[in-house]
């Protein structure tokens, strides 16, 4: 009777036992809604629902119980197992169609929301990968800028980064360094290593590019390039954090 009632509106797959119902539910395409009789030969509806909920492939399919039992205890048992609704026999065709339509609309809404959430998760992951790439490129570009002003640097940036990573990994499990290099901090230190000479952009060419030995006064000026670089990075961080309404590095 249910099959005849629903076939005029939906694609219907019928099964006359619990075992066949489980097989039908696992066949492609999987049903969007299951109307399940409680009293069936062999496996009853409660056990069928337990098995449906235990299988990841059928766990999300909404189930409406069809039953001649009308006690609150029986209804509570079915709802506790995960049924979304109850229809008692003898049933009214308009009521059945209305409840089926309602549950299918709810499932469609849940499916749309799930699809949107999956899309958002993928989009967030893509944006994060892009941000990491932009960060890496920015660091490389700044490091290359410093390298371009110092003809003697060569592969110094890459070598220094490799040295920093070796030292950081060696120190990561030692007292005094463990907290400073915990979590993703070690990777950040290694990533930022190429910026160690960025302050050279603030050193006059007459000193930075001098072919001969520096005088003591010139050497003192040359030694200021780490502080110049640190100040430039700190100012950039403060401006970026202030623009996003975040606390400054000192406040953190």
Protein backbone atom coordinates (compact mmCIF):
# COMPACT_ATOMS: atom_id res chain seq x y z
CA UNK A 1 0.00 0.00 0.00
CA UNK A 2 2.79 2.40 0.84
CA UNK A 3 4.58 1.52 -2.37
CA UNK A 4 1.52 2.20 -4.46
CA UNK A 5 0.91 5.47 -2.62
CA UNK A 6 4.46 6.77 -3.04
CA UNK A 7 5.23 5.53 -6.56
CA UNK A 8 3.11 8.26 -8.04
CA UNK A 9 5.46 10.84 -6.54
CA UNK A 10 8.84 9.20 -5.94
CA UNK A 11 11.11 6.41 -7.06
CA UNK A 12 10.38 3.57 -4.65
CA UNK A 13 12.39 0.50 -3.70
CA UNK A 14 10.41 -2.03 -1.63
CA UNK A 15 11.62 -4.86 0.62
CA UNK A 16 9.47 -7.30 2.63
CA UNK A 17 12.01 -8.27 5.31
CA UNK A 18 14.70 -6.69 7.44
CA UNK A 19 17.55 -8.47 5.64
CA UNK A 20 16.27 -7.36 2.24
CA UNK A 21 15.76 -3.84 3.57
CA UNK A 22 19.43 -3.63 4.58
CA UNK A 23 20.53 -4.87 1.16
CA UNK A 24 18.21 -2.41 -0.57
CA UNK A 25 19.49 0.49 1.55
CA UNK A 26 23.10 -0.27 0.60
CA UNK A 27 22.41 -0.45 -3.16
CA UNK A 28 23.18 2.48 -5.43
CA UNK A 29 21.59 4.90 -5.61
CA UNK A 30 21.07 4.92 -1.86
CA UNK A 31 17.63 6.04 -0.69
CA UNK A 32 17.00 9.56 0.51
CA UNK A 33 14.41 8.31 3.01
CA UNK A 34 13.44 4.94 4.49
CA UNK A 35 9.95 4.02 5.71
CA UNK A 36 10.51 1.11 8.05
CA UNK A 37 7.92 -1.18 9.60
CA UNK A 38 8.62 -2.10 13.22
CA UNK A 39 6.96 -5.53 13.09
CA UNK A 40 8.56 -7.69 10.42
CA UNK A 41 9.32 -11.44 10.15
CA UNK A 42 12.76 -12.30 11.48
CA UNK A 43 14.63 -9.07 12.08
CA UNK A 44 12.39 -6.34 13.47
CA UNK A 45 12.54 -2.66 12.56
CA UNK A 46 14.52 -1.69 15.66
CA UNK A 47 17.36 -4.06 14.73
CA UNK A 48 17.29 -2.87 11.12
CA UNK A 49 17.64 0.71 12.31
CA UNK A 50 20.53 -0.23 14.62
CA UNK A 51 22.37 -1.77 11.66
CA UNK A 52 21.60 1.17 9.42
CA UNK A 53 23.07 3.53 11.99
CA UNK A 54 26.12 1.30 12.51
CA UNK A 55 27.04 1.49 8.81
CA UNK A 56 28.71 4.74 7.72
CA UNK A 57 27.18 4.36 4.25
CA UNK A 58 23.59 4.39 5.56
CA UNK A 59 24.00 6.27 8.84
CA UNK A 60 22.75 9.55 7.43
CA UNK A 61 19.58 8.24 5.77
CA UNK A 62 16.50 9.46 7.69
CA UNK A 63 14.10 6.72 8.83
CA UNK A 64 10.36 7.00 9.50
CA UNK A 65 8.89 4.13 11.49
CA UNK A 66 5.58 2.66 10.35
CA UNK A 67 3.88 0.81 13.18
CA UNK A 68 0.58 -0.34 14.62
CA UNK A 69 1.95 0.15 18.12
CA UNK A 70 1.02 3.46 19.64
CA UNK A 71 2.57 3.34 23.11
CA UNK A 72 4.87 6.16 24.14
CA UNK A 73 7.51 3.60 25.18
CA UNK A 74 7.71 2.12 21.69
CA UNK A 75 7.88 5.56 20.13
CA UNK A 76 10.64 6.65 22.52
CA UNK A 77 12.64 3.52 21.71
CA UNK A 78 12.52 4.23 17.99
CA UNK A 79 13.38 7.90 18.39
CA UNK A 80 16.26 7.00 20.72
CA UNK A 81 17.68 4.74 18.01
CA UNK A 82 17.58 7.61 15.53
CA UNK A 83 14.20 7.51 13.79
CA UNK A 84 13.08 10.95 12.64
CA UNK A 85 9.33 10.34 12.80
CA UNK A 86 6.54 7.83 13.49
CA UNK A 87 3.47 7.02 11.39
CA UNK A 88 0.90 4.75 13.00
CA UNK A 89 -1.36 2.28 11.25
CA UNK A 90 -3.93 2.63 9.90
CA UNK A 91 -2.31 5.59 8.16
CA UNK A 92 -3.83 8.46 6.25
CA UNK A 93 -2.35 8.85 2.71
CA UNK A 94 -2.26 12.68 2.90
CA UNK A 95 -0.44 12.47 6.25
CA UNK A 96 2.08 9.99 4.87
CA UNK A 97 2.77 12.16 1.82
CA UNK A 98 3.11 15.30 3.94
CA UNK A 99 5.57 13.70 6.36
CA UNK A 100 7.59 12.11 3.57
CA UNK A 101 7.79 15.45 1.76
CA UNK A 102 8.87 17.22 4.95
CA UNK A 103 11.67 14.72 5.70
CA UNK A 104 12.93 14.79 2.11
CA UNK A 105 13.05 18.59 2.17
CA UNK A 106 14.98 18.49 5.46
CA UNK A 107 17.44 15.99 4.00
CA UNK A 108 17.94 18.11 0.90
CA UNK A 109 18.64 21.10 3.12
CA UNK A 110 21.15 19.10 5.18
CA UNK A 111 22.82 17.81 2.02
CA UNK A 112 23.12 21.33 0.63
CA UNK A 113 24.58 22.55 3.90
CA UNK A 114 27.04 19.66 3.97
CA UNK A 115 28.10 20.37 0.39
CA UNK A 116 28.56 24.05 1.20
CA UNK A 117 30.62 23.19 4.29
CA UNK A 118 32.83 20.86 2.26
CA UNK A 119 33.32 23.59 -0.36
CA UNK A 120 34.16 26.12 2.35
CA UNK A 121 36.69 23.74 3.92
CA UNK A 122 38.36 23.19 0.56
CA UNK A 123 38.34 26.92 -0.11
CA UNK A 124 39.91 27.67 3.29
CA UNK A 125 42.60 25.07 2.63
CA UNK A 126 43.28 26.58 -0.80
CA UNK A 127 43.49 30.10 0.63
CA UNK A 128 45.83 28.91 3.38
CA UNK A 129 48.10 27.26 0.80
CA UNK A 130 48.09 30.49 -1.19
CA UNK A 131 48.92 32.51 1.92
CA UNK A 132 51.82 30.21 2.78
CA UNK A 133 53.10 30.48 -0.79
CA UNK A 134 52.82 34.28 -0.69
CA UNK A 135 54.69 34.34 2.62
CA UNK A 136 57.45 32.15 1.23
CA UNK A 137 57.73 34.26 -1.91
CA UNK A 138 57.79 37.47 0.13
CA UNK A 139 60.57 36.18 2.34
CA UNK A 140 62.55 34.99 -0.67
CA UNK A 141 62.03 38.30 -2.46
CA UNK A 142 63.22 40.34 0.52
CA UNK A 143 66.18 38.04 1.04
CA UNK A 144 67.08 38.30 -2.64
CA UNK A 145 66.89 42.09 -2.35
CA UNK A 146 69.49 42.04 0.40
CA UNK A 147 71.58 39.57 -1.58
CA UNK A 148 71.45 41.81 -4.66
CA UNK A 149 73.15 44.62 -2.74
CA UNK A 150 75.96 42.40 -1.54
CA UNK A 151 77.97 40.90 -4.39
CA UNK A 152 79.87 38.65 -1.99
CA UNK A 153 76.78 36.86 -0.63
CA UNK A 154 76.31 34.20 -3.32
CA UNK A 155 74.45 31.23 -1.84
CA UNK A 156 74.99 32.54 1.65
CA UNK A 157 71.22 32.84 2.25
CA UNK A 158 70.53 29.19 1.41
CA UNK A 159 73.51 27.96 3.41
CA UNK A 160 72.52 30.01 6.44
CA UNK A 161 68.96 28.68 6.29
CA UNK A 162 70.28 25.12 6.19
CA UNK A 163 72.57 25.83 9.16
CA UNK A 164 69.70 27.39 11.12
CA UNK A 165 67.52 24.32 10.53
CA UNK A 166 70.27 21.94 11.65
CA UNK A 167 70.93 23.96 14.80
CA UNK A 168 67.23 24.40 15.59
CA UNK A 169 66.51 20.67 15.29
CA UNK A 170 69.54 19.92 17.45
CA UNK A 171 68.37 22.34 20.15
CA UNK A 172 64.63 21.62 20.01
CA UNK A 173 64.75 18.95 22.74
CA UNK A 174 67.17 20.76 25.03
CA UNK A 175 66.30 22.73 28.14
CA UNK A 176 66.20 26.44 27.48
CA UNK A 177 65.19 25.99 23.83
CA UNK A 178 62.34 23.46 23.96
CA UNK A 179 59.60 26.05 24.54
CA UNK A 180 61.01 28.56 22.06
CA UNK A 181 61.04 25.93 19.30
CA UNK A 182 57.81 24.10 20.20
CA UNK A 183 54.97 23.48 17.78
CA UNK A 184 55.36 25.32 14.50
CA UNK A 185 57.94 27.78 15.86
CA UNK A 186 60.87 25.75 14.59
CA UNK A 187 59.51 25.84 11.05
CA UNK A 188 58.88 29.58 11.36
CA UNK A 189 62.45 30.21 12.53
CA UNK A 190 63.79 28.25 9.56
CA UNK A 191 61.46 30.04 7.16
CA UNK A 192 62.50 33.46 8.47
CA UNK A 193 66.25 32.67 8.42
CA UNK A 194 66.82 34.16 4.94
CA UNK A 195 65.84 37.57 6.35
CA UNK A 196 68.86 37.71 8.64
CA UNK A 197 70.73 40.08 6.27
CA UNK A 198 67.76 42.19 5.19
CA UNK A 199 69.15 45.10 7.22
CA UNK A 200 72.01 45.47 4.74
CA UNK A 201 69.68 47.56 2.57
CA UNK A 202 70.20 50.30 5.16
CA UNK A 203 74.00 50.24 4.97
CA UNK A 204 75.57 52.87 2.69
CA UNK A 205 76.98 51.49 -0.56
CA UNK A 206 80.37 53.02 0.21
CA UNK A 207 80.65 50.66 3.17
CA UNK A 208 78.65 47.64 1.98
CA UNK A 209 80.39 47.48 -1.40
CA UNK A 210 83.82 48.62 -0.28
CA UNK A 211 86.36 46.25 -1.88
CA UNK A 212 89.00 46.68 0.80
CA UNK A 213 89.12 46.28 4.56
CA UNK A 214 86.65 48.32 6.59
CA UNK A 215 87.86 50.89 9.05
CA UNK A 216 86.82 50.44 12.71
CA UNK A 217 84.23 53.19 12.23
CA UNK A 218 82.87 51.57 9.06
CA UNK A 219 82.78 48.20 10.75
CA UNK A 220 80.68 49.64 13.58
CA UNK A 221 78.22 50.90 10.98
CA UNK A 222 78.21 47.52 9.25
CA UNK A 223 77.39 45.82 12.56
CA UNK A 224 74.16 47.81 12.80
CA UNK A 225 72.54 45.88 9.92
CA UNK A 226 70.94 43.20 12.19
CA UNK A 227 69.22 45.92 14.21
CA UNK A 228 68.13 47.74 11.05
CA UNK A 229 66.56 44.52 9.78
CA UNK A 230 64.91 43.73 13.11
CA UNK A 231 63.45 47.23 13.34
CA UNK A 232 62.10 47.06 9.79
CA UNK A 233 60.42 43.69 10.40
CA UNK A 234 58.99 44.88 13.74
CA UNK A 235 57.50 47.98 12.11
CA UNK A 236 56.00 45.88 9.34
CA UNK A 237 54.46 43.50 11.90
CA UNK A 238 53.06 46.36 13.97
CA UNK A 239 51.47 47.98 10.91
CA UNK A 240 50.01 44.67 9.71
CA UNK A 241 48.62 43.79 13.15
CA UNK A 242 47.22 47.28 13.67
CA UNK A 243 45.50 47.10 10.29
CA UNK A 244 43.81 43.87 11.35
CA UNK A 245 42.87 45.13 14.79
CA UNK A 246 45.25 42.66 16.45
CA UNK A 247 47.57 43.34 19.42
CA UNK A 248 51.14 44.42 18.68
CA UNK A 249 54.09 42.02 19.23
CA UNK A 250 54.90 43.82 22.49
CA UNK A 251 51.32 43.35 23.74
CA UNK A 252 51.41 39.67 22.80
